Amino acid sequence: MLKKILGVYEAPRPHWVGNGFPVRSLFSYGDHGKALSPFLLLDHAGPQNFTPTTARRGVGTHPHRGFETVTIVYEGEVAHRDSTGAGGTIGPGDVQWMTAASGILHE
């Protein structure tokens, strides 16, 4: 079965998520929700080098509800902690799948 291509879009310029990392939003629900449902968004956080510091980086504690977040790490590490008490660091080749269900806070 062939599918019709609805459009080809350029990704917008990267934007910062908190002070933690720059991302490029490949698509978002607000722009293409009807065509992409059930997906909400797809962000790519490319390679980024940070100068060593004692200051914390990240997005701070924020809520998610009613959707799932999938994080895939190709290089480097991503630390995570949430209101269920779960947390850890994922590295190259690791996948984190977080089900928000009725609500969760994470950073």
PDB file of N, CA and C in Angstrom:
ATOM      1  N   MET A   1       0.846  -1.178   0.000  1.00  0.00           N
ATOM      2  CA  MET A   1       0.000   0.000   0.000  1.00  0.00           C
ATOM      3  C   MET A   1       0.892   1.242   0.000  1.00  0.00           C
ATOM      4  N   LEU A   2       0.658   2.117  -0.919  1.00  0.00           N
ATOM      5  CA  LEU A   2       1.406   3.370  -0.985  1.00  0.00           C
ATOM      6  C   LEU A   2       0.693   4.429  -0.155  1.00  0.00           C
ATOM      7  N   LYS A   3       1.476   5.274   0.447  1.00  0.00           N
ATOM      8  CA  LYS A   3       0.908   6.375   1.233  1.00  0.00           C
ATOM      9  C   LYS A   3       1.277   7.691   0.579  1.00  0.00           C
ATOM     10  N   LYS A   4       0.386   8.626   0.680  1.00  0.00           N
ATOM     11  CA  LYS A   4       0.596   9.948   0.113  1.00  0.00           C
ATOM     12  C   LYS A   4       1.501  10.775   1.027  1.00  0.00           C
ATOM     13  N   ILE A   5       2.486  11.445   0.454  1.00  0.00           N
ATOM     14  CA  ILE A   5       3.338  12.361   1.208  1.00  0.00           C
ATOM     15  C   ILE A   5       2.587  13.679   1.341  1.00  0.00           C
ATOM     16  N   LEU A   6       2.333  14.077   2.566  1.00  0.00           N
ATOM     17  CA  LEU A   6       1.564  15.296   2.810  1.00  0.00           C
ATOM     18  C   LEU A   6       2.403  16.552   2.713  1.00  0.00           C
ATOM     19  N   GLY A   7       3.705  16.425   2.938  1.00  0.00           N
ATOM     20  CA  GLY A   7       4.560  17.603   2.866  1.00  0.00           C
ATOM     21  C   GLY A   7       5.963  17.274   3.328  1.00  0.00           C
ATOM     22  N   VAL A   8       6.883  18.124   2.955  1.00  0.00           N
ATOM     23  CA  VAL A   8       8.268  18.023   3.405  1.00  0.00           C
ATOM     24  C   VAL A   8       8.570  19.339   4.105  1.00  0.00           C
ATOM     25  N   TYR A   9       9.042  19.261   5.344  1.00  0.00           N
ATOM     26  CA  TYR A   9       9.221  20.450   6.156  1.00  0.00           C
ATOM     27  C   TYR A   9      10.651  20.556   6.647  1.00  0.00           C
ATOM     28  N   GLU A  10      11.126  21.764   6.774  1.00  0.00           N
ATOM     29  CA  GLU A  10      12.424  21.993   7.394  1.00  0.00           C
ATOM     30  C   GLU A  10      12.223  22.128   8.892  1.00  0.00           C
ATOM     31  N   ALA A  11      13.148  21.544   9.644  1.00  0.00           N
ATOM     32  CA  ALA A  11      13.080  21.688  11.101  1.00  0.00           C
ATOM     33  C   ALA A  11      13.455  23.121  11.465  1.00  0.00           C
ATOM     34  N   PRO A  12      12.782  23.693  12.441  1.00  0.00           N
ATOM     35  CA  PRO A  12      13.143  25.047  12.871  1.00  0.00           C
ATOM     36  C   PRO A  12      14.513  25.058  13.538  1.00  0.00           C
ATOM     37  N   ARG A  13      15.013  26.230  13.768  1.00  0.00           N
ATOM     38  CA  ARG A  13      16.303  26.372  14.450  1.00  0.00           C
ATOM     39  C   ARG A  13      16.206  25.759  15.847  1.00  0.00           C
ATOM     40  N   PRO A  14      17.332  25.285  16.378  1.00  0.00           N
ATOM     41  CA  PRO A  14      17.311  24.719  17.733  1.00  0.00           C
ATOM     42  C   PRO A  14      16.876  25.759  18.768  1.00  0.00           C
ATOM     43  N   HIS A  15      16.249  25.284  19.829  1.00  0.00           N
ATOM     44  CA  HIS A  15      15.886  26.139  20.956  1.00  0.00           C
ATOM     45  C   HIS A  15      16.295  25.416  22.240  1.00  0.00           C
ATOM     46  N   TRP A  16      16.493  26.178  23.293  1.00  0.00           N
ATOM     47  CA  TRP A  16      16.939  25.608  24.566  1.00  0.00           C
ATOM     48  C   TRP A  16      15.767  25.086  25.371  1.00  0.00           C
ATOM     49  N   VAL A  17      15.949  23.930  25.975  1.00  0.00           N
ATOM     50  CA  VAL A  17      15.000  23.379  26.935  1.00  0.00           C
ATOM     51  C   VAL A  17      15.613  23.644  28.301  1.00  0.00           C
ATOM     52  N   GLY A  18      15.022  24.580  29.041  1.00  0.00           N
ATOM     53  CA  GLY A  18      15.643  25.023  30.290  1.00  0.00           C
ATOM     54  C   GLY A  18      17.037  25.537  29.979  1.00  0.00           C
ATOM     55  N   ASN A  19      17.969  25.297  30.880  1.00  0.00           N
ATOM     56  CA  ASN A  19      19.361  25.617  30.567  1.00  0.00           C
ATOM     57  C   ASN A  19      20.128  24.316  30.363  1.00  0.00           C
ATOM     58  N   GLY A  20      19.375  23.236  30.126  1.00  0.00           N
ATOM     59  CA  GLY A  20      19.971  21.917  30.043  1.00  0.00           C
ATOM     60  C   GLY A  20      20.523  21.529  28.697  1.00  0.00           C
ATOM     61  N   PHE A  21      19.783  21.800  27.642  1.00  0.00           N
ATOM     62  CA  PHE A  21      20.254  21.346  26.342  1.00  0.00           C
ATOM     63  C   PHE A  21      19.442  21.993  25.220  1.00  0.00           C
ATOM     64  N   PRO A  22      20.115  22.228  24.093  1.00  0.00           N
ATOM     65  CA  PRO A  22      19.399  22.733  22.927  1.00  0.00           C
ATOM     66  C   PRO A  22      18.781  21.559  22.167  1.00  0.00           C
ATOM     67  N   VAL A  23      17.574  21.740  21.662  1.00  0.00           N
ATOM     68  CA  VAL A  23      16.912  20.702  20.871  1.00  0.00           C
ATOM     69  C   VAL A  23      16.412  21.293  19.559  1.00  0.00           C
ATOM     70  N   ARG A  24      16.259  20.421  18.605  1.00  0.00           N
ATOM     71  CA  ARG A  24      15.630  20.778  17.336  1.00  0.00           C
ATOM     72  C   ARG A  24      14.321  19.993  17.296  1.00  0.00           C
ATOM     73  N   SER A  25      13.203  20.689  17.245  1.00  0.00           N
ATOM     74  CA  SER A  25      11.893  20.031  17.198  1.00  0.00           C
ATOM     75  C   SER A  25      11.611  19.618  15.761  1.00  0.00           C
ATOM     76  N   LEU A  26      11.649  18.315  15.505  1.00  0.00           N
ATOM     77  CA  LEU A  26      11.427  17.829  14.148  1.00  0.00           C
ATOM     78  C   LEU A  26       9.961  17.929  13.757  1.00  0.00           C
ATOM     79  N   PHE A  27       9.079  17.752  14.719  1.00  0.00           N
ATOM     80  CA  PHE A  27       7.665  18.065  14.514  1.00  0.00           C
ATOM     81  C   PHE A  27       7.009  18.227  15.869  1.00  0.00           C
ATOM     82  N   SER A  28       5.891  18.925  15.883  1.00  0.00           N
ATOM     83  CA  SER A  28       5.154  19.101  17.134  1.00  0.00           C
ATOM     84  C   SER A  28       3.667  18.938  16.879  1.00  0.00           C
ATOM     85  N   TYR A  29       2.956  18.562  17.911  1.00  0.00           N
ATOM     86  CA  TYR A  29       1.518  18.362  17.819  1.00  0.00           C
ATOM     87  C   TYR A  29       0.812  19.640  17.379  1.00  0.00           C
ATOM     88  N   GLY A  30       1.272  20.767  17.900  1.00  0.00           N
ATOM     89  CA  GLY A  30       0.650  22.042  17.559  1.00  0.00           C
ATOM     90  C   GLY A  30       0.682  22.336  16.068  1.00  0.00           C
ATOM     91  N   ASP A  31       1.757  21.911  15.405  1.00  0.00           N
ATOM     92  CA  ASP A  31       1.894  22.188  13.978  1.00  0.00           C
ATOM     93  C   ASP A  31       1.250  21.126  13.095  1.00  0.00           C
ATOM     94  N   HIS A  32       1.348  19.860  13.502  1.00  0.00           N
ATOM     95  CA  HIS A  32       0.942  18.764  12.616  1.00  0.00           C
ATOM     96  C   HIS A  32       0.141  17.683  13.334  1.00  0.00           C
ATOM     97  N   GLY A  33      -0.571  18.036  14.382  1.00  0.00           N
ATOM     98  CA  GLY A  33      -1.263  17.067  15.226  1.00  0.00           C
ATOM     99  C   GLY A  33      -2.200  16.122  14.513  1.00  0.00           C
ATOM    100  N   LYS A  34      -3.021  16.631  13.638  1.00  0.00           N
ATOM    101  CA  LYS A  34      -4.001  15.770  12.971  1.00  0.00           C
ATOM    102  C   LYS A  34      -3.329  14.723  12.095  1.00  0.00           C
ATOM    103  N   ALA A  35      -2.251  15.093  11.433  1.00  0.00           N
ATOM    104  CA  ALA A  35      -1.566  14.161  10.540  1.00  0.00           C
ATOM    105  C   ALA A  35      -0.671  13.183  11.293  1.00  0.00           C
ATOM    106  N   LEU A  36      -0.188  13.558  12.468  1.00  0.00           N
ATOM    107  CA  LEU A  36       0.804  12.748  13.175  1.00  0.00           C
ATOM    108  C   LEU A  36       0.265  12.003  14.385  1.00  0.00           C
ATOM    109  N   SER A  37      -0.975  12.251  14.770  1.00  0.00           N
ATOM    110  CA  SER A  37      -1.526  11.617  15.958  1.00  0.00           C
ATOM    111  C   SER A  37      -1.275  10.115  15.893  1.00  0.00           C
ATOM    112  N   PRO A  38      -0.813   9.475  16.930  1.00  0.00           N
ATOM    113  CA  PRO A  38      -0.836   9.864  18.322  1.00  0.00           C
ATOM    114  C   PRO A  38       0.436  10.548  18.818  1.00  0.00           C
ATOM    115  N   PHE A  39       1.379  10.887  17.949  1.00  0.00           N
ATOM    116  CA  PHE A  39       2.618  11.513  18.401  1.00  0.00           C
ATOM    117  C   PHE A  39       2.387  12.967  18.785  1.00  0.00           C
ATOM    118  N   LEU A  40       3.033  13.408  19.868  1.00  0.00           N
ATOM    119  CA  LEU A  40       2.935  14.797  20.306  1.00  0.00           C
ATOM    120  C   LEU A  40       4.061  15.636  19.741  1.00  0.00           C
ATOM    121  N   LEU A  41       5.280  15.101  19.805  1.00  0.00           N
ATOM    122  CA  LEU A  41       6.427  15.841  19.287  1.00  0.00           C
ATOM    123  C   LEU A  41       7.605  14.901  19.135  1.00  0.00           C
ATOM    124  N   LEU A  42       8.588  15.343  18.392  1.00  0.00           N
ATOM    125  CA  LEU A  42       9.848  14.619  18.255  1.00  0.00           C
ATOM    126  C   LEU A  42      10.955  15.651  18.284  1.00  0.00           C
ATOM    127  N   ASP A  43      11.765  15.594  19.332  1.00  0.00           N
ATOM    128  CA  ASP A  43      12.892  16.519  19.484  1.00  0.00           C
ATOM    129  C   ASP A  43      14.194  15.756  19.330  1.00  0.00           C
ATOM    130  N   HIS A  44      15.170  16.404  18.743  1.00  0.00           N
ATOM    131  CA  HIS A  44      16.518  15.844  18.640  1.00  0.00           C
ATOM    132  C   HIS A  44      17.466  16.779  19.372  1.00  0.00           C
ATOM    133  N   ALA A  45      18.170  16.237  20.355  1.00  0.00           N
ATOM    134  CA  ALA A  45      19.189  17.009  21.071  1.00  0.00           C
ATOM    135  C   ALA A  45      20.535  16.500  20.579  1.00  0.00           C
ATOM    136  N   GLY A  46      21.150  17.249  19.689  1.00  0.00           N
ATOM    137  CA  GLY A  46      22.405  16.822  19.082  1.00  0.00           C
ATOM    138  C   GLY A  46      23.575  16.937  20.025  1.00  0.00           C
ATOM    139  N   PRO A  47      24.739  16.582  19.530  1.00  0.00           N
ATOM    140  CA  PRO A  47      25.935  16.670  20.376  1.00  0.00           C
ATOM    141  C   PRO A  47      26.125  18.087  20.915  1.00  0.00           C
ATOM    142  N   GLN A  48      26.454  18.172  22.175  1.00  0.00           N
ATOM    143  CA  GLN A  48      26.673  19.464  22.820  1.00  0.00           C
ATOM    144  C   GLN A  48      27.751  19.287  23.876  1.00  0.00           C
ATOM    145  N   ASN A  49      28.785  20.095  23.816  1.00  0.00           N
ATOM    146  CA  ASN A  49      29.834  20.064  24.832  1.00  0.00           C
ATOM    147  C   ASN A  49      29.624  21.214  25.797  1.00  0.00           C
ATOM    148  N   PHE A  50      29.694  20.916  27.092  1.00  0.00           N
ATOM    149  CA  PHE A  50      29.533  21.923  28.121  1.00  0.00           C
ATOM    150  C   PHE A  50      30.833  22.056  28.896  1.00  0.00           C
ATOM    151  N   THR A  51      31.187  23.283  29.225  1.00  0.00           N
ATOM    152  CA  THR A  51      32.347  23.526  30.068  1.00  0.00           C
ATOM    153  C   THR A  51      32.053  22.989  31.467  1.00  0.00           C
ATOM    154  N   PRO A  52      32.980  22.250  32.071  1.00  0.00           N
ATOM    155  CA  PRO A  52      32.733  21.731  33.424  1.00  0.00           C
ATOM    156  C   PRO A  52      32.386  22.859  34.399  1.00  0.00           C
ATOM    157  N   THR A  53      31.408  22.596  35.256  1.00  0.00           N
ATOM    158  CA  THR A  53      30.956  23.578  36.230  1.00  0.00           C
ATOM    159  C   THR A  53      30.300  22.858  37.405  1.00  0.00           C
ATOM    160  N   THR A  54      30.193  23.534  38.514  1.00  0.00           N
ATOM    161  CA  THR A  54      29.469  22.958  39.649  1.00  0.00           C
ATOM    162  C   THR A  54      27.988  23.337  39.595  1.00  0.00           C
ATOM    163  N   ALA A  55      27.638  24.260  38.704  1.00  0.00           N
ATOM    164  CA  ALA A  55      26.236  24.673  38.557  1.00  0.00           C
ATOM    165  C   ALA A  55      25.428  23.539  37.922  1.00  0.00           C
ATOM    166  N   ARG A  56      24.206  23.358  38.399  1.00  0.00           N
ATOM    167  CA  ARG A  56      23.324  22.333  37.832  1.00  0.00           C
ATOM    168  C   ARG A  56      22.774  22.788  36.492  1.00  0.00           C
ATOM    169  N   ARG A  57      22.607  21.852  35.597  1.00  0.00           N
ATOM    170  CA  ARG A  57      21.979  22.115  34.307  1.00  0.00           C
ATOM    171  C   ARG A  57      20.742  21.228  34.199  1.00  0.00           C
ATOM    172  N   GLY A  58      19.793  21.678  33.452  1.00  0.00           N
ATOM    173  CA  GLY A  58      18.618  20.843  33.223  1.00  0.00           C
ATOM    174  C   GLY A  58      17.384  21.677  32.999  1.00  0.00           C
ATOM    175  N   VAL A  59      16.260  21.016  33.089  1.00  0.00           N
ATOM    176  CA  VAL A  59      14.992  21.690  32.841  1.00  0.00           C
ATOM    177  C   VAL A  59      14.212  21.916  34.125  1.00  0.00           C
ATOM    178  N   GLY A  60      14.748  21.467  35.254  1.00  0.00           N
ATOM    179  CA  GLY A  60      14.031  21.618  36.512  1.00  0.00           C
ATOM    180  C   GLY A  60      12.857  20.660  36.580  1.00  0.00           C
ATOM    181  N   THR A  61      12.236  20.596  37.725  1.00  0.00           N
ATOM    182  CA  THR A  61      11.097  19.702  37.907  1.00  0.00           C
ATOM    183  C   THR A  61       9.914  20.225  37.107  1.00  0.00           C
ATOM    184  N   HIS A  62       9.302  19.345  36.325  1.00  0.00           N
ATOM    185  CA  HIS A  62       8.144  19.730  35.516  1.00  0.00           C
ATOM    186  C   HIS A  62       7.213  18.526  35.355  1.00  0.00           C
ATOM    187  N   PRO A  63       5.912  18.772  35.094  1.00  0.00           N
ATOM    188  CA  PRO A  63       4.940  17.683  35.029  1.00  0.00           C
ATOM    189  C   PRO A  63       4.779  17.096  33.627  1.00  0.00           C
ATOM    190  N   HIS A  64       4.379  15.848  33.604  1.00  0.00           N
ATOM    191  CA  HIS A  64       3.898  15.181  32.396  1.00  0.00           C
ATOM    192  C   HIS A  64       2.638  14.437  32.808  1.00  0.00           C
ATOM    193  N   ARG A  65       1.669  14.350  31.894  1.00  0.00           N
ATOM    194  CA  ARG A  65       0.447  13.612  32.196  1.00  0.00           C
ATOM    195  C   ARG A  65      -0.176  13.108  30.902  1.00  0.00           C
ATOM    196  N   GLY A  66      -0.551  11.839  30.893  1.00  0.00           N
ATOM    197  CA  GLY A  66      -1.321  11.285  29.797  1.00  0.00           C
ATOM    198  C   GLY A  66      -0.549  10.947  28.533  1.00  0.00           C
ATOM    199  N   PHE A  67       0.762  10.854  28.609  1.00  0.00           N
ATOM    200  CA  PHE A  67       1.528  10.431  27.433  1.00  0.00           C
ATOM    201  C   PHE A  67       2.813   9.754  27.869  1.00  0.00           C
ATOM    202  N   GLU A  68       3.524   9.208  26.914  1.00  0.00           N
ATOM    203  CA  GLU A  68       4.764   8.502  27.206  1.00  0.00           C
ATOM    204  C   GLU A  68       5.935   9.242  26.591  1.00  0.00           C
ATOM    205  N   THR A  69       7.033   9.259  27.322  1.00  0.00           N
ATOM    206  CA  THR A  69       8.253   9.911  26.860  1.00  0.00           C
ATOM    207  C   THR A  69       9.302   8.830  26.639  1.00  0.00           C
ATOM    208  N   VAL A  70       9.902   8.842  25.455  1.00  0.00           N
ATOM    209  CA  VAL A  70      10.955   7.882  25.138  1.00  0.00           C
ATOM    210  C   VAL A  70      12.239   8.664  24.895  1.00  0.00           C
ATOM    211  N   THR A  71      13.298   8.306  25.613  1.00  0.00           N
ATOM    212  CA  THR A  71      14.601   8.950  25.451  1.00  0.00           C
ATOM    213  C   THR A  71      15.591   7.888  24.991  1.00  0.00           C
ATOM    214  N   ILE A  72      16.277   8.164  23.883  1.00  0.00           N
ATOM    215  CA  ILE A  72      17.306   7.274  23.344  1.00  0.00           C
ATOM    216  C   ILE A  72      18.614   8.042  23.362  1.00  0.00           C
ATOM    217  N   VAL A  73      19.642   7.466  23.959  1.00  0.00           N
ATOM    218  CA  VAL A  73      20.943   8.131  24.041  1.00  0.00           C
ATOM    219  C   VAL A  73      21.905   7.458  23.064  1.00  0.00           C
ATOM    220  N   TYR A  74      22.496   8.267  22.193  1.00  0.00           N
ATOM    221  CA  TYR A  74      23.484   7.753  21.241  1.00  0.00           C
ATOM    222  C   TYR A  74      24.902   7.982  21.746  1.00  0.00           C
ATOM    223  N   GLU A  75      25.134   9.119  22.371  1.00  0.00           N
ATOM    224  CA  GLU A  75      26.436   9.449  22.952  1.00  0.00           C
ATOM    225  C   GLU A  75      26.201  10.221  24.242  1.00  0.00           C
ATOM    226  N   GLY A  76      27.154  10.163  25.152  1.00  0.00           N
ATOM    227  CA  GLY A  76      27.052  10.915  26.397  1.00  0.00           C
ATOM    228  C   GLY A  76      26.105  10.254  27.377  1.00  0.00           C
ATOM    229  N   GLU A  77      25.578  11.048  28.294  1.00  0.00           N
ATOM    230  CA  GLU A  77      24.701  10.534  29.341  1.00  0.00           C
ATOM    231  C   GLU A  77      23.574  11.519  29.630  1.00  0.00           C
ATOM    232  N   VAL A  78      22.455  10.987  30.094  1.00  0.00           N
ATOM    233  CA  VAL A  78      21.317  11.803  30.518  1.00  0.00           C
ATOM    234  C   VAL A  78      20.892  11.297  31.895  1.00  0.00           C
ATOM    235  N   ALA A  79      20.840  12.200  32.870  1.00  0.00           N
ATOM    236  CA  ALA A  79      20.391  11.840  34.218  1.00  0.00           C
ATOM    237  C   ALA A  79      18.910  12.158  34.351  1.00  0.00           C
ATOM    238  N   HIS A  80      18.199  11.334  35.105  1.00  0.00           N
ATOM    239  CA  HIS A  80      16.756  11.478  35.261  1.00  0.00           C
ATOM    240  C   HIS A  80      16.371  11.138  36.695  1.00  0.00           C
ATOM    241  N   ARG A  81      15.358  11.841  37.189  1.00  0.00           N
ATOM    242  CA  ARG A  81      14.796  11.552  38.514  1.00  0.00           C
ATOM    243  C   ARG A  81      13.327  11.961  38.462  1.00  0.00           C
ATOM    244  N   ASP A  82      12.453  11.160  39.098  1.00  0.00           N
ATOM    245  CA  ASP A  82      11.036  11.521  39.057  1.00  0.00           C
ATOM    246  C   ASP A  82      10.360  11.343  40.410  1.00  0.00           C
ATOM    247  N   SER A  83       9.090  11.741  40.458  1.00  0.00           N
ATOM    248  CA  SER A  83       8.342  11.765  41.714  1.00  0.00           C
ATOM    249  C   SER A  83       7.956  10.383  42.226  1.00  0.00           C
ATOM    250  N   THR A  84       8.207   9.330  41.452  1.00  0.00           N
ATOM    251  CA  THR A  84       7.946   7.970  41.942  1.00  0.00           C
ATOM    252  C   THR A  84       9.130   7.435  42.729  1.00  0.00           C
ATOM    253  N   GLY A  85      10.234   8.201  42.724  1.00  0.00           N
ATOM    254  CA  GLY A  85      11.454   7.754  43.382  1.00  0.00           C
ATOM    255  C   GLY A  85      12.426   7.090  42.428  1.00  0.00           C
ATOM    256  N   ALA A  86      12.008   6.903  41.177  1.00  0.00           N
ATOM    257  CA  ALA A  86      12.887   6.297  40.177  1.00  0.00           C
ATOM    258  C   ALA A  86      13.878   7.331  39.669  1.00  0.00           C
ATOM    259  N   GLY A  87      14.991   6.868  39.211  1.00  0.00           N
ATOM    260  CA  GLY A  87      15.985   7.767  38.653  1.00  0.00           C
ATOM    261  C   GLY A  87      17.219   6.999  38.251  1.00  0.00           C
ATOM    262  N   GLY A  88      18.112   7.680  37.605  1.00  0.00           N
ATOM    263  CA  GLY A  88      19.351   7.055  37.184  1.00  0.00           C
ATOM    264  C   GLY A  88      19.963   7.816  36.033  1.00  0.00           C
ATOM    265  N   THR A  89      20.980   7.225  35.468  1.00  0.00           N
ATOM    266  CA  THR A  89      21.677   7.812  34.333  1.00  0.00           C
ATOM    267  C   THR A  89      21.663   6.810  33.197  1.00  0.00           C
ATOM    268  N   ILE A  90      21.266   7.266  32.016  1.00  0.00           N
ATOM    269  CA  ILE A  90      21.296   6.388  30.849  1.00  0.00           C
ATOM    270  C   ILE A  90      22.403   6.853  29.919  1.00  0.00           C
ATOM    271  N   GLY A  91      23.026   5.898  29.254  1.00  0.00           N
ATOM    272  CA  GLY A  91      24.163   6.198  28.397  1.00  0.00           C
ATOM    273  C   GLY A  91      23.976   5.648  26.994  1.00  0.00           C
ATOM    274  N   PRO A  92      25.038   5.635  26.206  1.00  0.00           N
ATOM    275  CA  PRO A  92      24.960   5.208  24.806  1.00  0.00           C
ATOM    276  C   PRO A  92      24.290   3.838  24.641  1.00  0.00           C
ATOM    277  N   GLY A  93      23.300   3.795  23.766  1.00  0.00           N
ATOM    278  CA  GLY A  93      22.570   2.561  23.505  1.00  0.00           C
ATOM    279  C   GLY A  93      21.422   2.305  24.459  1.00  0.00           C
ATOM    280  N   ASP A  94      21.294   3.102  25.509  1.00  0.00           N
ATOM    281  CA  ASP A  94      20.207   2.922  26.478  1.00  0.00           C
ATOM    282  C   ASP A  94      18.936   3.620  26.000  1.00  0.00           C
ATOM    283  N   VAL A  95      17.804   3.081  26.433  1.00  0.00           N
ATOM    284  CA  VAL A  95      16.498   3.672  26.142  1.00  0.00           C
ATOM    285  C   VAL A  95      15.746   3.797  27.459  1.00  0.00           C
ATOM    286  N   GLN A  96      15.142   4.950  27.680  1.00  0.00           N
ATOM    287  CA  GLN A  96      14.286   5.154  28.851  1.00  0.00           C
ATOM    288  C   GLN A  96      12.872   5.381  28.345  1.00  0.00           C
ATOM    289  N   TRP A  97      11.917   4.622  28.884  1.00  0.00           N
ATOM    290  CA  TRP A  97      10.516   4.747  28.490  1.00  0.00           C
ATOM    291  C   TRP A  97       9.742   5.125  29.740  1.00  0.00           C
ATOM    292  N   MET A  98       9.219   6.346  29.781  1.00  0.00           N
ATOM    293  CA  MET A  98       8.500   6.827  30.957  1.00  0.00           C
ATOM    294  C   MET A  98       7.016   6.962  30.622  1.00  0.00           C
ATOM    295  N   THR A  99       6.173   6.259  31.371  1.00  0.00           N
ATOM    296  CA  THR A  99       4.726   6.346  31.200  1.00  0.00           C
ATOM    297  C   THR A  99       4.182   7.308  32.244  1.00  0.00           C
ATOM    298  N   ALA A 100       3.643   8.427  31.781  1.00  0.00           N
ATOM    299  CA  ALA A 100       3.169   9.455  32.702  1.00  0.00           C
ATOM    300  C   ALA A 100       1.792   9.132  33.275  1.00  0.00           C
ATOM    301  N   ALA A 101       0.944   8.451  32.536  1.00  0.00           N
ATOM    302  CA  ALA A 101      -0.397   8.062  32.980  1.00  0.00           C
ATOM    303  C   ALA A 101      -1.140   9.238  33.605  1.00  0.00           C
ATOM    304  N   SER A 102      -1.550   9.126  34.890  1.00  0.00           N
ATOM    305  CA  SER A 102      -2.336  10.198  35.508  1.00  0.00           C
ATOM    306  C   SER A 102      -1.488  11.374  35.960  1.00  0.00           C
ATOM    307  N   GLY A 103      -0.171  11.228  35.902  1.00  0.00           N
ATOM    308  CA  GLY A 103       0.693  12.358  36.210  1.00  0.00           C
ATOM    309  C   GLY A 103       1.981  11.951  36.894  1.00  0.00           C
ATOM    310  N   ILE A 104       3.038  12.676  36.573  1.00  0.00           N
ATOM    311  CA  ILE A 104       4.348  12.443  37.162  1.00  0.00           C
ATOM    312  C   ILE A 104       5.123  13.753  37.093  1.00  0.00           C
ATOM    313  N   LEU A 105       5.974  13.975  38.054  1.00  0.00           N
ATOM    314  CA  LEU A 105       6.904  15.105  38.016  1.00  0.00           C
ATOM    315  C   LEU A 105       8.284  14.526  37.784  1.00  0.00           C
ATOM    316  N   HIS A 106       9.056  15.148  36.886  1.00  0.00           N
ATOM    317  CA  HIS A 106      10.422  14.659  36.696  1.00  0.00           C
ATOM    318  C   HIS A 106      11.350  15.801  36.356  1.00  0.00           C
ATOM    319  N   GLU A 107      12.647  15.510  36.516  1.00  0.00           N
ATOM    320  CA  GLU A 107      13.683  16.486  36.167  1.00  0.00           C
ATOM    321  C   GLU A 107      14.834  15.756  35.520  1.00  0.00           C
TER     322      GLU A 107
END
